[in-house]
């Protein structure tokens, strides 16, 4: 099947484009500005750079949470009982 298609395509004669088409394409190409730049705008790149710089500065200058956080208070048995009674009384009011 692939060979049939290839043989049909190879048997076709390549016909040149009409000269007026060629002239029209060339004039359009010459008149339109070419967009060769594919990079993002400079202000966007500068903004990304500044944002990443701020992230890095904050990361290295902020102390870690485990160093600065106070340890959680531990509750003894009496405090746990008082808390449970308080919760029961609050639930009874509803």
N, C-alpha and C. Protein backbone atom coordinates (compact mmCIF):
# COMPACT_ATOMS: atom_id res chain seq x y z
N UNK A 1 0.83 -1.19 0.00
CA UNK A 1 0.00 0.00 0.00
C UNK A 1 0.88 1.25 0.00
N UNK A 2 1.92 1.23 0.87
CA UNK A 2 2.83 2.36 0.92
C UNK A 2 3.59 2.50 -0.39
N UNK A 3 3.96 1.37 -0.98
CA UNK A 3 4.69 1.40 -2.24
C UNK A 3 3.83 1.95 -3.37
N UNK A 4 2.53 1.62 -3.33
CA UNK A 4 1.61 2.14 -4.35
C UNK A 4 1.55 3.67 -4.29
N UNK A 5 1.43 4.17 -3.08
CA UNK A 5 1.37 5.62 -2.92
C UNK A 5 2.68 6.26 -3.38
N UNK A 6 3.80 5.66 -3.00
CA UNK A 6 5.08 6.22 -3.40
C UNK A 6 5.28 6.17 -4.91
N UNK A 7 4.84 5.10 -5.52
CA UNK A 7 4.99 5.01 -6.98
C UNK A 7 4.08 6.02 -7.68
N UNK A 8 2.88 6.24 -7.15
CA UNK A 8 2.00 7.25 -7.74
C UNK A 8 2.58 8.65 -7.59
N UNK A 9 3.13 8.91 -6.41
CA UNK A 9 3.71 10.24 -6.18
C UNK A 9 4.93 10.48 -7.05
N UNK A 10 5.75 9.45 -7.21
CA UNK A 10 6.95 9.63 -8.03
C UNK A 10 6.61 9.76 -9.51
N UNK A 11 5.47 9.22 -9.92
CA UNK A 11 5.10 9.33 -11.33
C UNK A 11 4.50 10.71 -11.67
N UNK A 12 4.10 11.45 -10.65
CA UNK A 12 3.53 12.78 -10.90
C UNK A 12 4.62 13.74 -11.36
N UNK A 13 4.24 14.61 -12.25
CA UNK A 13 5.16 15.63 -12.75
C UNK A 13 5.06 16.87 -11.87
N UNK A 14 6.20 17.40 -11.48
CA UNK A 14 6.23 18.61 -10.68
C UNK A 14 6.04 19.80 -11.60
N UNK A 15 5.00 20.56 -11.33
CA UNK A 15 4.70 21.71 -12.17
C UNK A 15 5.14 22.98 -11.46
N UNK A 16 5.75 23.89 -12.16
CA UNK A 16 6.19 25.13 -11.52
C UNK A 16 4.99 26.01 -11.18
N UNK A 17 5.21 26.86 -10.20
CA UNK A 17 4.16 27.80 -9.81
C UNK A 17 3.99 28.87 -10.87
N UNK A 18 2.79 29.38 -11.02
CA UNK A 18 2.61 30.49 -11.96
C UNK A 18 3.44 31.68 -11.50
N UNK A 19 4.01 32.41 -12.42
CA UNK A 19 4.90 33.54 -12.06
C UNK A 19 4.20 34.62 -11.23
N UNK A 20 2.90 34.82 -11.47
CA UNK A 20 2.21 35.86 -10.69
C UNK A 20 2.07 35.45 -9.22
N UNK A 21 1.93 34.15 -8.95
CA UNK A 21 1.89 33.68 -7.56
C UNK A 21 3.22 33.93 -6.87
N UNK A 22 4.30 33.63 -7.59
CA UNK A 22 5.63 33.83 -7.03
C UNK A 22 5.85 35.30 -6.71
N UNK A 23 5.47 36.19 -7.62
CA UNK A 23 5.64 37.63 -7.40
C UNK A 23 4.81 38.10 -6.21
N UNK A 24 3.59 37.59 -6.10
CA UNK A 24 2.72 37.99 -4.99
C UNK A 24 3.32 37.54 -3.65
N UNK A 25 3.83 36.32 -3.59
CA UNK A 25 4.44 35.84 -2.35
C UNK A 25 5.67 36.63 -1.99
N UNK A 26 6.50 36.95 -2.97
CA UNK A 26 7.71 37.71 -2.70
C UNK A 26 7.40 39.13 -2.22
N UNK A 27 6.40 39.76 -2.82
CA UNK A 27 6.05 41.12 -2.37
C UNK A 27 5.47 41.10 -0.96
N UNK A 28 4.68 40.09 -0.62
CA UNK A 28 4.14 39.99 0.74
C UNK A 28 5.26 39.76 1.75
N UNK A 29 6.22 38.94 1.38
CA UNK A 29 7.35 38.68 2.29
C UNK A 29 8.18 39.92 2.51
N UNK A 30 8.40 40.69 1.47
CA UNK A 30 9.21 41.88 1.59
C UNK A 30 8.50 42.98 2.36
N UNK A 31 7.19 43.06 2.26
CA UNK A 31 6.45 44.14 2.92
C UNK A 31 6.13 43.83 4.38
N UNK A 32 6.06 42.56 4.75
CA UNK A 32 5.72 42.23 6.14
C UNK A 32 6.97 42.17 6.99
N UNK A 33 6.88 42.71 8.22
CA UNK A 33 8.06 42.64 9.10
C UNK A 33 8.24 41.21 9.61
N UNK A 34 9.46 40.77 9.61
CA UNK A 34 9.74 39.42 10.08
C UNK A 34 9.85 39.41 11.59
N UNK A 35 9.18 38.46 12.20
CA UNK A 35 9.24 38.32 13.64
C UNK A 35 10.30 37.28 13.99
N UNK A 36 11.52 37.74 14.09
CA UNK A 36 12.61 36.82 14.37
C UNK A 36 12.85 36.65 15.86
N UNK A 37 12.32 37.57 16.67
CA UNK A 37 12.55 37.49 18.10
C UNK A 37 11.50 36.60 18.75
N UNK A 38 11.96 35.57 19.42
CA UNK A 38 11.06 34.64 20.10
C UNK A 38 11.21 34.71 21.62
N UNK A 39 12.09 35.55 22.12
CA UNK A 39 12.32 35.65 23.55
C UNK A 39 11.20 36.47 24.20
N UNK A 40 10.95 36.24 25.50
CA UNK A 40 9.94 37.06 26.18
C UNK A 40 10.43 38.50 26.32
N UNK A 41 9.54 39.42 26.59
CA UNK A 41 9.95 40.82 26.73
C UNK A 41 10.97 40.99 27.86
N UNK A 42 11.82 41.98 27.69
CA UNK A 42 12.90 42.18 28.66
C UNK A 42 12.36 42.49 30.05
N UNK A 43 11.27 43.27 30.16
CA UNK A 43 10.73 43.62 31.46
C UNK A 43 10.24 42.38 32.21
N UNK A 44 9.75 41.39 31.46
CA UNK A 44 9.28 40.16 32.10
C UNK A 44 10.45 39.34 32.63
N UNK A 45 11.52 39.27 31.87
CA UNK A 45 12.71 38.54 32.32
C UNK A 45 13.31 39.21 33.55
N UNK A 46 13.36 40.53 33.55
CA UNK A 46 13.88 41.26 34.71
C UNK A 46 12.99 41.01 35.93
N UNK A 47 11.68 41.01 35.72
CA UNK A 47 10.76 40.75 36.82
C UNK A 47 10.93 39.36 37.41
N UNK A 48 11.09 38.36 36.54
CA UNK A 48 11.32 36.98 37.02
C UNK A 48 12.62 36.91 37.80
N UNK A 49 13.64 37.57 37.30
CA UNK A 49 14.93 37.55 37.99
C UNK A 49 14.85 38.19 39.37
N UNK A 50 14.15 39.31 39.46
CA UNK A 50 14.00 39.98 40.75
C UNK A 50 13.17 39.14 41.72
N UNK A 51 12.14 38.48 41.21
CA UNK A 51 11.32 37.64 42.07
C UNK A 51 12.14 36.47 42.62
N UNK A 52 12.94 35.84 41.77
CA UNK A 52 13.76 34.72 42.23
C UNK A 52 14.84 35.19 43.20
N UNK A 53 15.39 36.36 42.95
CA UNK A 53 16.38 36.91 43.87
C UNK A 53 15.76 37.15 45.24
N UNK A 54 14.53 37.67 45.27
CA UNK A 54 13.84 37.90 46.54
C UNK A 54 13.56 36.57 47.25
N UNK A 55 13.17 35.56 46.50
CA UNK A 55 12.92 34.24 47.10
C UNK A 55 14.19 33.70 47.73
N UNK A 56 15.30 33.80 47.02
CA UNK A 56 16.56 33.29 47.56
C UNK A 56 17.02 34.07 48.78
N UNK A 57 16.88 35.40 48.75
CA UNK A 57 17.26 36.21 49.90
C UNK A 57 16.42 35.85 51.11
N UNK A 58 15.11 35.72 50.92
CA UNK A 58 14.24 35.37 52.03
C UNK A 58 14.53 33.96 52.54
N UNK A 59 14.85 33.06 51.65
CA UNK A 59 15.13 31.68 52.05
C UNK A 59 16.38 31.61 52.93
N UNK A 60 17.42 32.34 52.56
CA UNK A 60 18.66 32.24 53.30
C UNK A 60 18.73 33.16 54.52
N UNK A 61 17.86 34.15 54.62
CA UNK A 61 17.91 35.07 55.76
C UNK A 61 16.85 34.77 56.81
N UNK A 62 15.83 34.00 56.49
CA UNK A 62 14.78 33.67 57.45
C UNK A 62 15.20 32.44 58.24
N UNK A 63 15.11 32.51 59.57
CA UNK A 63 15.47 31.32 60.35
C UNK A 63 14.46 30.20 60.11
N UNK A 64 14.92 28.99 60.30
CA UNK A 64 14.04 27.83 60.09
C UNK A 64 12.96 27.82 61.15
N UNK A 65 11.81 27.25 60.83
CA UNK A 65 10.68 27.23 61.75
C UNK A 65 10.98 26.38 62.98
N UNK A 66 11.74 25.32 62.81
CA UNK A 66 12.02 24.45 63.95
C UNK A 66 12.94 25.13 64.96
N UNK A 67 13.78 26.04 64.53
CA UNK A 67 14.68 26.74 65.45
C UNK A 67 13.95 27.81 66.24
N UNK A 68 13.03 28.52 65.61
CA UNK A 68 12.41 29.68 66.26
C UNK A 68 11.09 29.35 66.94
N UNK A 69 10.45 28.25 66.61
CA UNK A 69 9.14 27.93 67.18
C UNK A 69 9.29 27.40 68.60
N UNK A 70 8.42 27.84 69.46
CA UNK A 70 8.44 27.35 70.84
C UNK A 70 7.84 25.94 70.86
N UNK A 71 8.33 25.10 71.74
CA UNK A 71 7.77 23.75 71.81
C UNK A 71 6.32 23.80 72.31
N UNK A 72 5.53 22.88 71.84
CA UNK A 72 4.12 22.83 72.23
C UNK A 72 4.03 22.45 73.70
N UNK A 73 3.17 23.14 74.45
CA UNK A 73 3.06 22.81 75.87
C UNK A 73 2.42 21.44 76.05
N UNK A 74 2.93 20.71 76.99
CA UNK A 74 2.37 19.40 77.29
C UNK A 74 1.33 19.55 78.39
N UNK A 75 0.22 18.87 78.24
CA UNK A 75 -0.86 18.95 79.22
C UNK A 75 -0.75 17.77 80.18
N UNK A 76 -0.92 18.06 81.45
CA UNK A 76 -0.92 16.98 82.41
C UNK A 76 -2.33 16.39 82.53
N UNK A 77 -2.51 15.40 83.32
CA UNK A 77 -3.79 14.69 83.43
C UNK A 77 -4.88 15.59 83.98
N UNK A 78 -4.56 16.45 84.96
CA UNK A 78 -5.58 17.35 85.53
C UNK A 78 -6.09 18.34 84.48
N UNK A 79 -5.18 18.87 83.71
CA UNK A 79 -5.57 19.82 82.67
C UNK A 79 -6.44 19.14 81.62
N UNK A 80 -6.10 17.88 81.30
CA UNK A 80 -6.91 17.14 80.33
C UNK A 80 -8.33 16.90 80.85
N UNK A 81 -8.47 16.58 82.13
CA UNK A 81 -9.80 16.37 82.73
C UNK A 81 -10.60 17.66 82.73
N UNK A 82 -9.96 18.77 83.10
CA UNK A 82 -10.64 20.05 83.11
C UNK A 82 -11.12 20.42 81.70
N UNK A 83 -10.27 20.15 80.75
CA UNK A 83 -10.63 20.47 79.36
C UNK A 83 -11.80 19.61 78.90
N UNK A 84 -11.80 18.34 79.22
CA UNK A 84 -12.90 17.45 78.84
C UNK A 84 -14.19 17.88 79.49
N UNK A 85 -14.16 18.27 80.79
CA UNK A 85 -15.37 18.74 81.47
C UNK A 85 -15.89 20.02 80.84
N UNK A 86 -14.98 20.90 80.50
CA UNK A 86 -15.39 22.15 79.86
C UNK A 86 -16.05 21.88 78.51
N UNK A 87 -15.49 20.96 77.75
CA UNK A 87 -16.09 20.61 76.45
C UNK A 87 -17.48 20.01 76.63
N UNK A 88 -17.63 19.15 77.63
CA UNK A 88 -18.96 18.55 77.88
C UNK A 88 -19.97 19.59 78.30
N UNK A 89 -19.54 20.54 79.12
CA UNK A 89 -20.49 21.59 79.55
C UNK A 89 -20.86 22.49 78.36
N UNK A 90 -19.91 22.76 77.49
CA UNK A 90 -20.22 23.58 76.31
C UNK A 90 -21.15 22.85 75.36
N UNK A 91 -20.96 21.55 75.21
CA UNK A 91 -21.83 20.77 74.33
C UNK A 91 -23.22 20.62 74.94
N UNK A 92 -23.32 20.60 76.26
CA UNK A 92 -24.62 20.49 76.92
C UNK A 92 -25.44 21.74 76.73
N UNK A 93 -24.78 22.88 76.57
CA UNK A 93 -25.51 24.13 76.38
C UNK A 93 -26.18 24.20 75.02
N UNK A 94 -25.66 23.51 74.07
CA UNK A 94 -26.24 23.54 72.72
C UNK A 94 -27.41 22.69 72.67
